[in-house]
Amino acid sequence: MAKRNDALEGRLSRDREITITVTGRKSGRTISIPIWFVWDDGKLYLLPVKGSDTQWYKNVLENQSIRIDAGGAQSELKVVAVTDATQVKSVVERFRGKYGTSGVNLYSKLDVAVVGQMR
C-alpha cells in the first residue's frame, strides 16, 4: 500500500498549480513544468494545454513515472494517459469546477488527459 504523504496531500487540496518533472523521450533529461491540476479522492488529474500535441504529454507516453512538487512537498507518481472521450470529458469537467470555464478555455485541445495515483 502507498505511504501517505499528508504534507503533499494538504498542498494538493489547496494549491492551484504544481510543478511536474518528466523525462524527455529523446534527450533522457528531466524537464520541469508548472501546470494546473485537480486532486480528487487520492487521484491527480492533469490536462495537457495543447492536448496530445503537448510535449510533456508525449514524454509521459514514453515514461509514465513523473515527479510532482506542490510547494516543496514532493512525490513520485505513476500516471496513465486517458484517451477515451468520455473519461477525458470527466477530467475537463473537474478542471471547470476548479478553474472555471474561462480557465478551461485557455486549453487549445481537449483530446487527452493524464491520471496519476499516489504510490
PDB file of N, CA and C in Angstrom:
ATOM      1  N   MET A   1       0.835  -1.189   0.000  1.00  0.00           N
ATOM      2  CA  MET A   1       0.000   0.000   0.000  1.00  0.00           C
ATOM      3  C   MET A   1       0.880   1.253   0.000  1.00  0.00           C
ATOM      4  N   ALA A   2       0.394   2.278  -0.645  1.00  0.00           N
ATOM      5  CA  ALA A   2       1.149   3.523  -0.759  1.00  0.00           C
ATOM      6  C   ALA A   2       1.289   4.206   0.592  1.00  0.00           C
ATOM      7  N   LYS A   3       2.452   4.786   0.786  1.00  0.00           N
ATOM      8  CA  LYS A   3       2.681   5.560   2.005  1.00  0.00           C
ATOM      9  C   LYS A   3       2.016   6.926   1.835  1.00  0.00           C
ATOM     10  N   ARG A   4       1.239   7.316   2.805  1.00  0.00           N
ATOM     11  CA  ARG A   4       0.561   8.612   2.719  1.00  0.00           C
ATOM     12  C   ARG A   4       1.559   9.745   2.931  1.00  0.00           C
ATOM     13  N   ASN A   5       1.368  10.782   2.179  1.00  0.00           N
ATOM     14  CA  ASN A   5       2.193  11.970   2.314  1.00  0.00           C
ATOM     15  C   ASN A   5       1.247  13.117   2.664  1.00  0.00           C
ATOM     16  N   ASP A   6       0.996  13.291   3.963  1.00  0.00           N
ATOM     17  CA  ASP A   6      -0.003  14.260   4.399  1.00  0.00           C
ATOM     18  C   ASP A   6       0.328  15.690   3.991  1.00  0.00           C
ATOM     19  N   ALA A   7       1.617  16.058   4.061  1.00  0.00           N
ATOM     20  CA  ALA A   7       2.011  17.429   3.671  1.00  0.00           C
ATOM     21  C   ALA A   7       1.670  17.665   2.203  1.00  0.00           C
ATOM     22  N   LEU A   8       1.995  16.687   1.368  1.00  0.00           N
ATOM     23  CA  LEU A   8       1.717  16.818  -0.064  1.00  0.00           C
ATOM     24  C   LEU A   8       0.211  16.846  -0.310  1.00  0.00           C
ATOM     25  N   GLU A   9      -0.515  15.952   0.322  1.00  0.00           N
ATOM     26  CA  GLU A   9      -1.961  15.912   0.105  1.00  0.00           C
ATOM     27  C   GLU A   9      -2.621  17.211   0.557  1.00  0.00           C
ATOM     28  N   GLY A  10      -2.117  17.796   1.639  1.00  0.00           N
ATOM     29  CA  GLY A  10      -2.637  19.087   2.084  1.00  0.00           C
ATOM     30  C   GLY A  10      -2.412  20.165   1.045  1.00  0.00           C
ATOM     31  N   ARG A  11      -1.214  20.192   0.477  1.00  0.00           N
ATOM     32  CA  ARG A  11      -0.894  21.165  -0.579  1.00  0.00           C
ATOM     33  C   ARG A  11      -1.776  20.951  -1.805  1.00  0.00           C
ATOM     34  N   LEU A  12      -1.932  19.689  -2.194  1.00  0.00           N
ATOM     35  CA  LEU A  12      -2.728  19.388  -3.381  1.00  0.00           C
ATOM     36  C   LEU A  12      -4.187  19.792  -3.182  1.00  0.00           C
ATOM     37  N   SER A  13      -4.640  19.773  -1.947  1.00  0.00           N
ATOM     38  CA  SER A  13      -6.015  20.175  -1.651  1.00  0.00           C
ATOM     39  C   SER A  13      -6.204  21.685  -1.771  1.00  0.00           C
ATOM     40  N   ARG A  14      -5.118  22.452  -1.579  1.00  0.00           N
ATOM     41  CA  ARG A  14      -5.222  23.917  -1.551  1.00  0.00           C
ATOM     42  C   ARG A  14      -4.659  24.620  -2.782  1.00  0.00           C
ATOM     43  N   ASP A  15      -3.574  24.112  -3.322  1.00  0.00           N
ATOM     44  CA  ASP A  15      -2.849  24.840  -4.366  1.00  0.00           C
ATOM     45  C   ASP A  15      -3.573  24.825  -5.719  1.00  0.00           C
ATOM     46  N   ARG A  16      -3.225  25.804  -6.538  1.00  0.00           N
ATOM     47  CA  ARG A  16      -3.792  25.908  -7.883  1.00  0.00           C
ATOM     48  C   ARG A  16      -2.807  25.429  -8.954  1.00  0.00           C
ATOM     49  N   GLU A  17      -1.545  25.291  -8.580  1.00  0.00           N
ATOM     50  CA  GLU A  17      -0.532  24.928  -9.568  1.00  0.00           C
ATOM     51  C   GLU A  17       0.519  24.043  -8.899  1.00  0.00           C
ATOM     52  N   ILE A  18       1.008  23.066  -9.639  1.00  0.00           N
ATOM     53  CA  ILE A  18       2.115  22.232  -9.181  1.00  0.00           C
ATOM     54  C   ILE A  18       3.181  22.228 -10.265  1.00  0.00           C
ATOM     55  N   THR A  19       4.346  21.716  -9.925  1.00  0.00           N
ATOM     56  CA  THR A  19       5.388  21.505 -10.925  1.00  0.00           C
ATOM     57  C   THR A  19       5.509  20.003 -11.132  1.00  0.00           C
ATOM     58  N   ILE A  20       5.458  19.599 -12.396  1.00  0.00           N
ATOM     59  CA  ILE A  20       5.702  18.189 -12.697  1.00  0.00           C
ATOM     60  C   ILE A  20       7.074  18.086 -13.355  1.00  0.00           C
ATOM     61  N   THR A  21       7.740  16.984 -13.102  1.00  0.00           N
ATOM     62  CA  THR A  21       9.023  16.709 -13.734  1.00  0.00           C
ATOM     63  C   THR A  21       8.880  15.398 -14.493  1.00  0.00           C
ATOM     64  N   VAL A  22       9.142  15.470 -15.789  1.00  0.00           N
ATOM     65  CA  VAL A  22       9.049  14.304 -16.662  1.00  0.00           C
ATOM     66  C   VAL A  22      10.426  14.040 -17.260  1.00  0.00           C
ATOM     67  N   THR A  23      10.594  12.858 -17.831  1.00  0.00           N
ATOM     68  CA  THR A  23      11.847  12.512 -18.502  1.00  0.00           C
ATOM     69  C   THR A  23      11.662  12.693 -20.001  1.00  0.00           C
ATOM     70  N   GLY A  24      12.556  13.464 -20.616  1.00  0.00           N
ATOM     71  CA  GLY A  24      12.475  13.706 -22.050  1.00  0.00           C
ATOM     72  C   GLY A  24      12.581  12.412 -22.837  1.00  0.00           C
ATOM     73  N   ARG A  25      11.659  12.210 -23.775  1.00  0.00           N
ATOM     74  CA  ARG A  25      11.613  10.953 -24.525  1.00  0.00           C
ATOM     75  C   ARG A  25      12.782  10.800 -25.483  1.00  0.00           C
ATOM     76  N   LYS A  26      13.383  11.898 -25.897  1.00  0.00           N
ATOM     77  CA  LYS A  26      14.539  11.831 -26.801  1.00  0.00           C
ATOM     78  C   LYS A  26      15.836  12.125 -26.059  1.00  0.00           C
ATOM     79  N   SER A  27      15.798  13.164 -25.198  1.00  0.00           N
ATOM     80  CA  SER A  27      17.026  13.604 -24.523  1.00  0.00           C
ATOM     81  C   SER A  27      17.351  12.770 -23.287  1.00  0.00           C
ATOM     82  N   GLY A  28      16.314  12.201 -22.655  1.00  0.00           N
ATOM     83  CA  GLY A  28      16.525  11.483 -21.409  1.00  0.00           C
ATOM     84  C   GLY A  28      16.725  12.414 -20.217  1.00  0.00           C
ATOM     85  N   ARG A  29      16.691  13.722 -20.454  1.00  0.00           N
ATOM     86  CA  ARG A  29      16.869  14.701 -19.375  1.00  0.00           C
ATOM     87  C   ARG A  29      15.556  14.933 -18.651  1.00  0.00           C
ATOM     88  N   THR A  30      15.667  15.390 -17.410  1.00  0.00           N
ATOM     89  CA  THR A  30      14.456  15.732 -16.675  1.00  0.00           C
ATOM     90  C   THR A  30      14.022  17.142 -17.050  1.00  0.00           C
ATOM     91  N   ILE A  31      12.719  17.300 -17.201  1.00  0.00           N
ATOM     92  CA  ILE A  31      12.129  18.561 -17.626  1.00  0.00           C
ATOM     93  C   ILE A  31      11.025  18.900 -16.627  1.00  0.00           C
ATOM     94  N   SER A  32      11.095  20.100 -16.045  1.00  0.00           N
ATOM     95  CA  SER A  32      10.084  20.519 -15.069  1.00  0.00           C
ATOM     96  C   SER A  32       9.192  21.603 -15.654  1.00  0.00           C
ATOM     97  N   ILE A  33       7.884  21.461 -15.414  1.00  0.00           N
ATOM     98  CA  ILE A  33       6.896  22.372 -15.983  1.00  0.00           C
ATOM     99  C   ILE A  33       5.837  22.676 -14.922  1.00  0.00           C
ATOM    100  N   PRO A  34       5.504  23.968 -14.714  1.00  0.00           N
ATOM    101  CA  PRO A  34       4.383  24.283 -13.822  1.00  0.00           C
ATOM    102  C   PRO A  34       3.068  24.062 -14.572  1.00  0.00           C
ATOM    103  N   ILE A  35       2.122  23.377 -13.936  1.00  0.00           N
ATOM    104  CA  ILE A  35       0.839  23.126 -14.594  1.00  0.00           C
ATOM    105  C   ILE A  35      -0.303  23.180 -13.580  1.00  0.00           C
ATOM    106  N   TRP A  36      -1.503  23.313 -14.127  1.00  0.00           N
ATOM    107  CA  TRP A  36      -2.720  23.208 -13.334  1.00  0.00           C
ATOM    108  C   TRP A  36      -3.038  21.733 -13.142  1.00  0.00           C
ATOM    109  N   PHE A  37      -3.816  21.453 -12.128  1.00  0.00           N
ATOM    110  CA  PHE A  37      -4.154  20.070 -11.809  1.00  0.00           C
ATOM    111  C   PHE A  37      -5.445  20.042 -11.005  1.00  0.00           C
ATOM    112  N   VAL A  38      -6.020  18.864 -10.881  1.00  0.00           N
ATOM    113  CA  VAL A  38      -7.122  18.647  -9.949  1.00  0.00           C
ATOM    114  C   VAL A  38      -6.751  17.437  -9.098  1.00  0.00           C
ATOM    115  N   TRP A  39      -6.871  17.575  -7.781  1.00  0.00           N
ATOM    116  CA  TRP A  39      -6.622  16.496  -6.835  1.00  0.00           C
ATOM    117  C   TRP A  39      -7.979  16.094  -6.273  1.00  0.00           C
ATOM    118  N   ASP A  40      -8.355  14.843  -6.472  1.00  0.00           N
ATOM    119  CA  ASP A  40      -9.661  14.402  -6.013  1.00  0.00           C
ATOM    120  C   ASP A  40      -9.606  12.936  -5.611  1.00  0.00           C
ATOM    121  N   ASP A  41      -9.927  12.661  -4.365  1.00  0.00           N
ATOM    122  CA  ASP A  41     -10.053  11.299  -3.870  1.00  0.00           C
ATOM    123  C   ASP A  41      -8.798  10.451  -4.126  1.00  0.00           C
ATOM    124  N   GLY A  42      -7.634  11.040  -3.829  1.00  0.00           N
ATOM    125  CA  GLY A  42      -6.383  10.293  -3.967  1.00  0.00           C
ATOM    126  C   GLY A  42      -5.842  10.192  -5.379  1.00  0.00           C
ATOM    127  N   LYS A  43      -6.503  10.869  -6.314  1.00  0.00           N
ATOM    128  CA  LYS A  43      -6.038  10.838  -7.710  1.00  0.00           C
ATOM    129  C   LYS A  43      -5.681  12.243  -8.176  1.00  0.00           C
ATOM    130  N   LEU A  44      -4.662  12.301  -9.002  1.00  0.00           N
ATOM    131  CA  LEU A  44      -4.202  13.555  -9.581  1.00  0.00           C
ATOM    132  C   LEU A  44      -4.607  13.569 -11.052  1.00  0.00           C
ATOM    133  N   TYR A  45      -5.347  14.594 -11.440  1.00  0.00           N
ATOM    134  CA  TYR A  45      -5.809  14.732 -12.823  1.00  0.00           C
ATOM    135  C   TYR A  45      -5.048  15.866 -13.488  1.00  0.00           C
ATOM    136  N   LEU A  46      -4.489  15.577 -14.647  1.00  0.00           N
ATOM    137  CA  LEU A  46      -3.735  16.569 -15.412  1.00  0.00           C
ATOM    138  C   LEU A  46      -4.351  16.695 -16.796  1.00  0.00           C
ATOM    139  N   LEU A  47      -4.345  17.911 -17.292  1.00  0.00           N
ATOM    140  CA  LEU A  47      -4.909  18.192 -18.609  1.00  0.00           C
ATOM    141  C   LEU A  47      -3.853  18.941 -19.420  1.00  0.00           C
ATOM    142  N   PRO A  48      -3.266  18.301 -20.439  1.00  0.00           N
ATOM    143  CA  PRO A  48      -2.260  18.996 -21.247  1.00  0.00           C
ATOM    144  C   PRO A  48      -2.889  20.170 -22.003  1.00  0.00           C
ATOM    145  N   VAL A  49      -2.257  21.327 -21.934  1.00  0.00           N
ATOM    146  CA  VAL A  49      -2.790  22.557 -22.527  1.00  0.00           C
ATOM    147  C   VAL A  49      -3.040  22.437 -24.032  1.00  0.00           C
ATOM    148  N   LYS A  50      -2.181  21.715 -24.739  1.00  0.00           N
ATOM    149  CA  LYS A  50      -2.353  21.518 -26.183  1.00  0.00           C
ATOM    150  C   LYS A  50      -2.750  20.079 -26.492  1.00  0.00           C
ATOM    151  N   GLY A  51      -3.389  19.435 -25.507  1.00  0.00           N
ATOM    152  CA  GLY A  51      -3.847  18.062 -25.706  1.00  0.00           C
ATOM    153  C   GLY A  51      -2.715  17.138 -26.098  1.00  0.00           C
ATOM    154  N   SER A  52      -2.984  16.262 -27.045  1.00  0.00           N
ATOM    155  CA  SER A  52      -1.994  15.256 -27.454  1.00  0.00           C
ATOM    156  C   SER A  52      -0.781  15.872 -28.147  1.00  0.00           C
ATOM    157  N   ASP A  53      -0.831  17.159 -28.461  1.00  0.00           N
ATOM    158  CA  ASP A  53       0.325  17.838 -29.067  1.00  0.00           C
ATOM    159  C   ASP A  53       1.285  18.394 -28.008  1.00  0.00           C
ATOM    160  N   THR A  54       0.926  18.324 -26.735  1.00  0.00           N
ATOM    161  CA  THR A  54       1.733  18.857 -25.645  1.00  0.00           C
ATOM    162  C   THR A  54       2.988  18.012 -25.446  1.00  0.00           C
ATOM    163  N   GLN A  55       4.142  18.662 -25.358  1.00  0.00           N
ATOM    164  CA  GLN A  55       5.406  17.937 -25.254  1.00  0.00           C
ATOM    165  C   GLN A  55       5.498  17.077 -24.000  1.00  0.00           C
ATOM    166  N   TRP A  56       5.104  17.615 -22.848  1.00  0.00           N
ATOM    167  CA  TRP A  56       5.227  16.788 -21.639  1.00  0.00           C
ATOM    168  C   TRP A  56       4.330  15.565 -21.718  1.00  0.00           C
ATOM    169  N   TYR A  57       3.193  15.693 -22.387  1.00  0.00           N
ATOM    170  CA  TYR A  57       2.293  14.546 -22.562  1.00  0.00           C
ATOM    171  C   TYR A  57       2.977  13.470 -23.416  1.00  0.00           C
ATOM    172  N   LYS A  58       3.624  13.894 -24.491  1.00  0.00           N
ATOM    173  CA  LYS A  58       4.340  12.939 -25.346  1.00  0.00           C
ATOM    174  C   LYS A  58       5.444  12.234 -24.562  1.00  0.00           C
ATOM    175  N   ASN A  59       6.097  12.967 -23.648  1.00  0.00           N
ATOM    176  CA  ASN A  59       7.129  12.360 -22.802  1.00  0.00           C
ATOM    177  C   ASN A  59       6.526  11.325 -21.844  1.00  0.00           C
ATOM    178  N   VAL A  60       5.357  11.626 -21.303  1.00  0.00           N
ATOM    179  CA  VAL A  60       4.688  10.713 -20.373  1.00  0.00           C
ATOM    180  C   VAL A  60       4.277   9.410 -21.072  1.00  0.00           C
ATOM    181  N   LEU A  61       3.992   9.488 -22.354  1.00  0.00           N
ATOM    182  CA  LEU A  61       3.645   8.269 -23.097  1.00  0.00           C
ATOM    183  C   LEU A  61       4.824   7.296 -23.122  1.00  0.00           C
ATOM    184  N   GLU A  62       6.037   7.833 -23.085  1.00  0.00           N
ATOM    185  CA  GLU A  62       7.252   7.014 -23.102  1.00  0.00           C
ATOM    186  C   GLU A  62       7.678   6.557 -21.715  1.00  0.00           C
ATOM    187  N   ASN A  63       7.470   7.423 -20.713  1.00  0.00           N
ATOM    188  CA  ASN A  63       7.890   7.111 -19.347  1.00  0.00           C
ATOM    189  C   ASN A  63       6.794   7.598 -18.397  1.00  0.00           C
ATOM    190  N   GLN A  64       6.024   6.660 -17.862  1.00  0.00           N
ATOM    191  CA  GLN A  64       4.840   7.010 -17.071  1.00  0.00           C
ATOM    192  C   GLN A  64       5.155   7.443 -15.644  1.00  0.00           C
ATOM    193  N   SER A  65       6.420   7.493 -15.276  1.00  0.00           N
ATOM    194  CA  SER A  65       6.780   7.917 -13.925  1.00  0.00           C
ATOM    195  C   SER A  65       7.075   9.415 -13.937  1.00  0.00           C
ATOM    196  N   ILE A  66       6.357  10.174 -13.107  1.00  0.00           N
ATOM    197  CA  ILE A  66       6.607  11.616 -13.014  1.00  0.00           C
ATOM    198  C   ILE A  66       6.852  11.978 -11.554  1.00  0.00           C
ATOM    199  N   ARG A  67       7.466  13.131 -11.358  1.00  0.00           N
ATOM    200  CA  ARG A  67       7.662  13.669 -10.014  1.00  0.00           C
ATOM    201  C   ARG A  67       6.790  14.922  -9.931  1.00  0.00           C
ATOM    202  N   ILE A  68       6.120  15.080  -8.799  1.00  0.00           N
ATOM    203  CA  ILE A  68       5.338  16.305  -8.613  1.00  0.00           C
ATOM    204  C   ILE A  68       5.885  17.061  -7.414  1.00  0.00           C
ATOM    205  N   ASP A  69       5.766  18.371  -7.487  1.00  0.00           N
ATOM    206  CA  ASP A  69       6.194  19.243  -6.399  1.00  0.00           C
ATOM    207  C   ASP A  69       5.078  20.258  -6.169  1.00  0.00           C
ATOM    208  N   ALA A  70       4.537  20.221  -4.968  1.00  0.00           N
ATOM    209  CA  ALA A  70       3.488  21.172  -4.582  1.00  0.00           C
ATOM    210  C   ALA A  70       4.007  21.950  -3.380  1.00  0.00           C
ATOM    211  N   GLY A  71       4.545  23.130  -3.622  1.00  0.00           N
ATOM    212  CA  GLY A  71       5.049  23.974  -2.543  1.00  0.00           C
ATOM    213  C   GLY A  71       6.150  23.327  -1.718  1.00  0.00           C
ATOM    214  N   GLY A  72       7.001  22.541  -2.359  1.00  0.00           N
ATOM    215  CA  GLY A  72       8.114  21.899  -1.667  1.00  0.00           C
ATOM    216  C   GLY A  72       7.822  20.470  -1.227  1.00  0.00           C
ATOM    217  N   ALA A  73       6.559  20.082  -1.178  1.00  0.00           N
ATOM    218  CA  ALA A  73       6.193  18.694  -0.870  1.00  0.00           C
ATOM    219  C   ALA A  73       6.228  17.913  -2.183  1.00  0.00           C
ATOM    220  N   GLN A  74       6.961  16.807  -2.192  1.00  0.00           N
ATOM    221  CA  GLN A  74       7.184  16.086  -3.449  1.00  0.00           C
ATOM    222  C   GLN A  74       6.782  14.623  -3.356  1.00  0.00           C
ATOM    223  N   SER A  75       6.549  14.044  -4.527  1.00  0.00           N
ATOM    224  CA  SER A  75       6.265  12.618  -4.604  1.00  0.00           C
ATOM    225  C   SER A  75       6.490  12.136  -6.034  1.00  0.00           C
ATOM    226  N   GLU A  76       6.734  10.839  -6.164  1.00  0.00           N
ATOM    227  CA  GLU A  76       6.786  10.195  -7.470  1.00  0.00           C
ATOM    228  C   GLU A  76       5.413   9.592  -7.724  1.00  0.00           C
ATOM    229  N   LEU A  77       4.956   9.682  -8.943  1.00  0.00           N
ATOM    230  CA  LEU A  77       3.667   9.101  -9.312  1.00  0.00           C
ATOM    231  C   LEU A  77       3.793   8.316 -10.597  1.00  0.00           C
ATOM    232  N   LYS A  78       3.034   7.273 -10.689  1.00  0.00           N
ATOM    233  CA  LYS A  78       2.887   6.540 -11.945  1.00  0.00           C
ATOM    234  C   LYS A  78       1.603   7.092 -12.552  1.00  0.00           C
ATOM    235  N   VAL A  79       1.655   7.493 -13.802  1.00  0.00           N
ATOM    236  CA  VAL A  79       0.481   8.079 -14.442  1.00  0.00           C
ATOM    237  C   VAL A  79       0.072   7.254 -15.659  1.00  0.00           C
ATOM    238  N   VAL A  80      -1.186   7.411 -16.033  1.00  0.00           N
ATOM    239  CA  VAL A  80      -1.687   6.758 -17.239  1.00  0.00           C
ATOM    240  C   VAL A  80      -2.331   7.807 -18.132  1.00  0.00           C
ATOM    241  N   ALA A  81      -2.135   7.641 -19.420  1.00  0.00           N
ATOM    242  CA  ALA A  81      -2.769   8.521 -20.396  1.00  0.00           C
ATOM    243  C   ALA A  81      -4.220   8.096 -20.564  1.00  0.00           C
ATOM    244  N   VAL A  82      -5.093   9.076 -20.654  1.00  0.00           N
ATOM    245  CA  VAL A  82      -6.517   8.823 -20.860  1.00  0.00           C
ATOM    246  C   VAL A  82      -6.890   9.377 -22.229  1.00  0.00           C
ATOM    247  N   THR A  83      -7.392   8.503 -23.092  1.00  0.00           N
ATOM    248  CA  THR A  83      -7.758   8.938 -24.440  1.00  0.00           C
ATOM    249  C   THR A  83      -9.239   8.722 -24.738  1.00  0.00           C
ATOM    250  N   ASP A  84      -9.916   7.964 -23.880  1.00  0.00           N
ATOM    251  CA  ASP A  84     -11.343   7.733 -24.055  1.00  0.00           C
ATOM    252  C   ASP A  84     -12.095   9.052 -23.891  1.00  0.00           C
ATOM    253  N   ALA A  85     -12.905   9.406 -24.883  1.00  0.00           N
ATOM    254  CA  ALA A  85     -13.566  10.719 -24.910  1.00  0.00           C
ATOM    255  C   ALA A  85     -14.418  10.971 -23.669  1.00  0.00           C
ATOM    256  N   THR A  86     -15.125   9.969 -23.195  1.00  0.00           N
ATOM    257  CA  THR A  86     -15.977  10.143 -22.015  1.00  0.00           C
ATOM    258  C   THR A  86     -15.140  10.415 -20.776  1.00  0.00           C
ATOM    259  N   GLN A  87     -14.031   9.688 -20.626  1.00  0.00           N
ATOM    260  CA  GLN A  87     -13.156   9.896 -19.470  1.00  0.00           C
ATOM    261  C   GLN A  87     -12.461  11.254 -19.541  1.00  0.00           C
ATOM    262  N   VAL A  88     -12.026  11.649 -20.729  1.00  0.00           N
ATOM    263  CA  VAL A  88     -11.395  12.970 -20.898  1.00  0.00           C
ATOM    264  C   VAL A  88     -12.395  14.056 -20.519  1.00  0.00           C
ATOM    265  N   LYS A  89     -13.634  13.904 -20.975  1.00  0.00           N
ATOM    266  CA  LYS A  89     -14.670  14.898 -20.659  1.00  0.00           C
ATOM    267  C   LYS A  89     -14.863  15.009 -19.145  1.00  0.00           C
ATOM    268  N   SER A  90     -14.797  13.885 -18.448  1.00  0.00           N
ATOM    269  CA  SER A  90     -14.926  13.880 -16.994  1.00  0.00           C
ATOM    270  C   SER A  90     -13.798  14.687 -16.343  1.00  0.00           C
ATOM    271  N   VAL A  91     -12.576  14.546 -16.863  1.00  0.00           N
ATOM    272  CA  VAL A  91     -11.438  15.317 -16.346  1.00  0.00           C
ATOM    273  C   VAL A  91     -11.634  16.805 -16.653  1.00  0.00           C
ATOM    274  N   VAL A  92     -12.087  17.113 -17.860  1.00  0.00           N
ATOM    275  CA  VAL A  92     -12.338  18.509 -18.244  1.00  0.00           C
ATOM    276  C   VAL A  92     -13.362  19.126 -17.293  1.00  0.00           C
ATOM    277  N   GLU A  93     -14.399  18.383 -16.950  1.00  0.00           N
ATOM    278  CA  GLU A  93     -15.421  18.894 -16.022  1.00  0.00           C
ATOM    279  C   GLU A  93     -14.818  19.165 -14.642  1.00  0.00           C
ATOM    280  N   ARG A  94     -13.905  18.312 -14.195  1.00  0.00           N
ATOM    281  CA  ARG A  94     -13.223  18.541 -12.909  1.00  0.00           C
ATOM    282  C   ARG A  94     -12.432  19.852 -12.975  1.00  0.00           C
ATOM    283  N   PHE A  95     -11.770  20.099 -14.109  1.00  0.00           N
ATOM    284  CA  PHE A  95     -10.997  21.329 -14.288  1.00  0.00           C
ATOM    285  C   PHE A  95     -11.937  22.534 -14.314  1.00  0.00           C
ATOM    286  N   ARG A  96     -13.092  22.398 -14.964  1.00  0.00           N
ATOM    287  CA  ARG A  96     -14.065  23.501 -14.979  1.00  0.00           C
ATOM    288  C   ARG A  96     -14.508  23.836 -13.558  1.00  0.00           C
ATOM    289  N   GLY A  97     -14.701  22.795 -12.759  1.00  0.00           N
ATOM    290  CA  GLY A  97     -15.122  23.005 -11.377  1.00  0.00           C
ATOM    291  C   GLY A  97     -14.088  23.767 -10.563  1.00  0.00           C
ATOM    292  N   LYS A  98     -12.812  23.544 -10.856  1.00  0.00           N
ATOM    293  CA  LYS A  98     -11.743  24.194 -10.085  1.00  0.00           C
ATOM    294  C   LYS A  98     -11.343  25.545 -10.670  1.00  0.00           C
ATOM    295  N   TYR A  99     -11.201  25.618 -11.996  1.00  0.00           N
ATOM    296  CA  TYR A  99     -10.646  26.816 -12.638  1.00  0.00           C
ATOM    297  C   TYR A  99     -11.677  27.644 -13.414  1.00  0.00           C
ATOM    298  N   GLY A 100     -12.909  27.130 -13.515  1.00  0.00           N
ATOM    299  CA  GLY A 100     -13.946  27.854 -14.250  1.00  0.00           C
ATOM    300  C   GLY A 100     -13.847  27.621 -15.750  1.00  0.00           C
ATOM    301  N   THR A 101     -14.915  27.932 -16.443  1.00  0.00           N
ATOM    302  CA  THR A 101     -14.959  27.740 -17.895  1.00  0.00           C
ATOM    303  C   THR A 101     -13.912  28.596 -18.589  1.00  0.00           C
ATOM    304  N   SER A 102     -13.723  29.843 -18.107  1.00  0.00           N
ATOM    305  CA  SER A 102     -12.736  30.719 -18.754  1.00  0.00           C
ATOM    306  C   SER A 102     -11.328  30.141 -18.619  1.00  0.00           C
ATOM    307  N   GLY A 103     -11.037  29.479 -17.507  1.00  0.00           N
ATOM    308  CA  GLY A 103      -9.738  28.832 -17.341  1.00  0.00           C
ATOM    309  C   GLY A 103      -9.560  27.684 -18.317  1.00  0.00           C
ATOM    310  N   VAL A 104     -10.576  26.852 -18.427  1.00  0.00           N
ATOM    311  CA  VAL A 104     -10.501  25.700 -19.337  1.00  0.00           C
ATOM    312  C   VAL A 104     -10.429  26.175 -20.787  1.00  0.00           C
ATOM    313  N   ASN A 105     -11.017  27.337 -21.083  1.00  0.00           N
ATOM    314  CA  ASN A 105     -10.962  27.868 -22.453  1.00  0.00           C
ATOM    315  C   ASN A 105      -9.539  28.196 -22.900  1.00  0.00           C
ATOM    316  N   LEU A 106      -8.587  28.280 -21.950  1.00  0.00           N
ATOM    317  CA  LEU A 106      -7.182  28.522 -22.303  1.00  0.00           C
ATOM    318  C   LEU A 106      -6.549  27.286 -22.945  1.00  0.00           C
ATOM    319  N   TYR A 107      -7.191  26.147 -22.797  1.00  0.00           N
ATOM    320  CA  TYR A 107      -6.680  24.894 -23.364  1.00  0.00           C
ATOM    321  C   TYR A 107      -7.116  24.812 -24.818  1.00  0.00           C
ATOM    322  N   SER A 108      -6.145  24.587 -25.712  1.00  0.00           N
ATOM    323  CA  SER A 108      -6.459  24.632 -27.140  1.00  0.00           C
ATOM    324  C   SER A 108      -6.983  23.308 -27.682  1.00  0.00           C
ATOM    325  N   LYS A 109      -6.748  22.217 -26.987  1.00  0.00           N
ATOM    326  CA  LYS A 109      -7.167  20.907 -27.490  1.00  0.00           C
ATOM    327  C   LYS A 109      -7.494  20.037 -26.284  1.00  0.00           C
ATOM    328  N   LEU A 110      -8.672  19.438 -26.287  1.00  0.00           N
ATOM    329  CA  LEU A 110      -9.118  18.647 -25.137  1.00  0.00           C
ATOM    330  C   LEU A 110      -9.347  17.188 -25.554  1.00  0.00           C
ATOM    331  N   ASP A 111      -8.314  16.561 -26.112  1.00  0.00           N
ATOM    332  CA  ASP A 111      -8.484  15.184 -26.610  1.00  0.00           C
ATOM    333  C   ASP A 111      -7.876  14.124 -25.699  1.00  0.00           C
ATOM    334  N   VAL A 112      -7.067  14.546 -24.708  1.00  0.00           N
ATOM    335  CA  VAL A 112      -6.422  13.582 -23.807  1.00  0.00           C
ATOM    336  C   VAL A 112      -6.339  14.176 -22.407  1.00  0.00           C
ATOM    337  N   ALA A 113      -6.089  13.295 -21.446  1.00  0.00           N
ATOM    338  CA  ALA A 113      -5.839  13.706 -20.063  1.00  0.00           C
ATOM    339  C   ALA A 113      -4.839  12.721 -19.484  1.00  0.00           C
ATOM    340  N   VAL A 114      -4.374  13.014 -18.283  1.00  0.00           N
ATOM    341  CA  VAL A 114      -3.434  12.122 -17.590  1.00  0.00           C
ATOM    342  C   VAL A 114      -3.921  11.977 -16.157  1.00  0.00           C
ATOM    343  N   VAL A 115      -3.909  10.750 -15.652  1.00  0.00           N
ATOM    344  CA  VAL A 115      -4.346  10.491 -14.286  1.00  0.00           C
ATOM    345  C   VAL A 115      -3.238   9.747 -13.552  1.00  0.00           C
ATOM    346  N   GLY A 116      -2.952  10.203 -12.335  1.00  0.00           N
ATOM    347  CA  GLY A 116      -1.938   9.550 -11.513  1.00  0.00           C
ATOM    348  C   GLY A 116      -2.495   9.252 -10.141  1.00  0.00           C
ATOM    349  N   GLN A 117      -1.893   8.271  -9.497  1.00  0.00           N
ATOM    350  CA  GLN A 117      -2.308   7.909  -8.158  1.00  0.00           C
ATOM    351  C   GLN A 117      -1.077   7.852  -7.269  1.00  0.00           C
ATOM    352  N   MET A 118      -1.240   8.283  -6.017  1.00  0.00           N
ATOM    353  CA  MET A 118      -0.135   8.233  -5.063  1.00  0.00           C
ATOM    354  C   MET A 118       0.362   6.803  -4.940  1.00  0.00           C
ATOM    355  N   ARG A 119       1.672   6.654  -4.859  1.00  0.00           N
ATOM    356  CA  ARG A 119       2.246   5.313  -4.681  1.00  0.00           C
ATOM    357  C   ARG A 119       2.117   4.895  -3.248  1.00  0.00           C
TER     358      ARG A 119
END
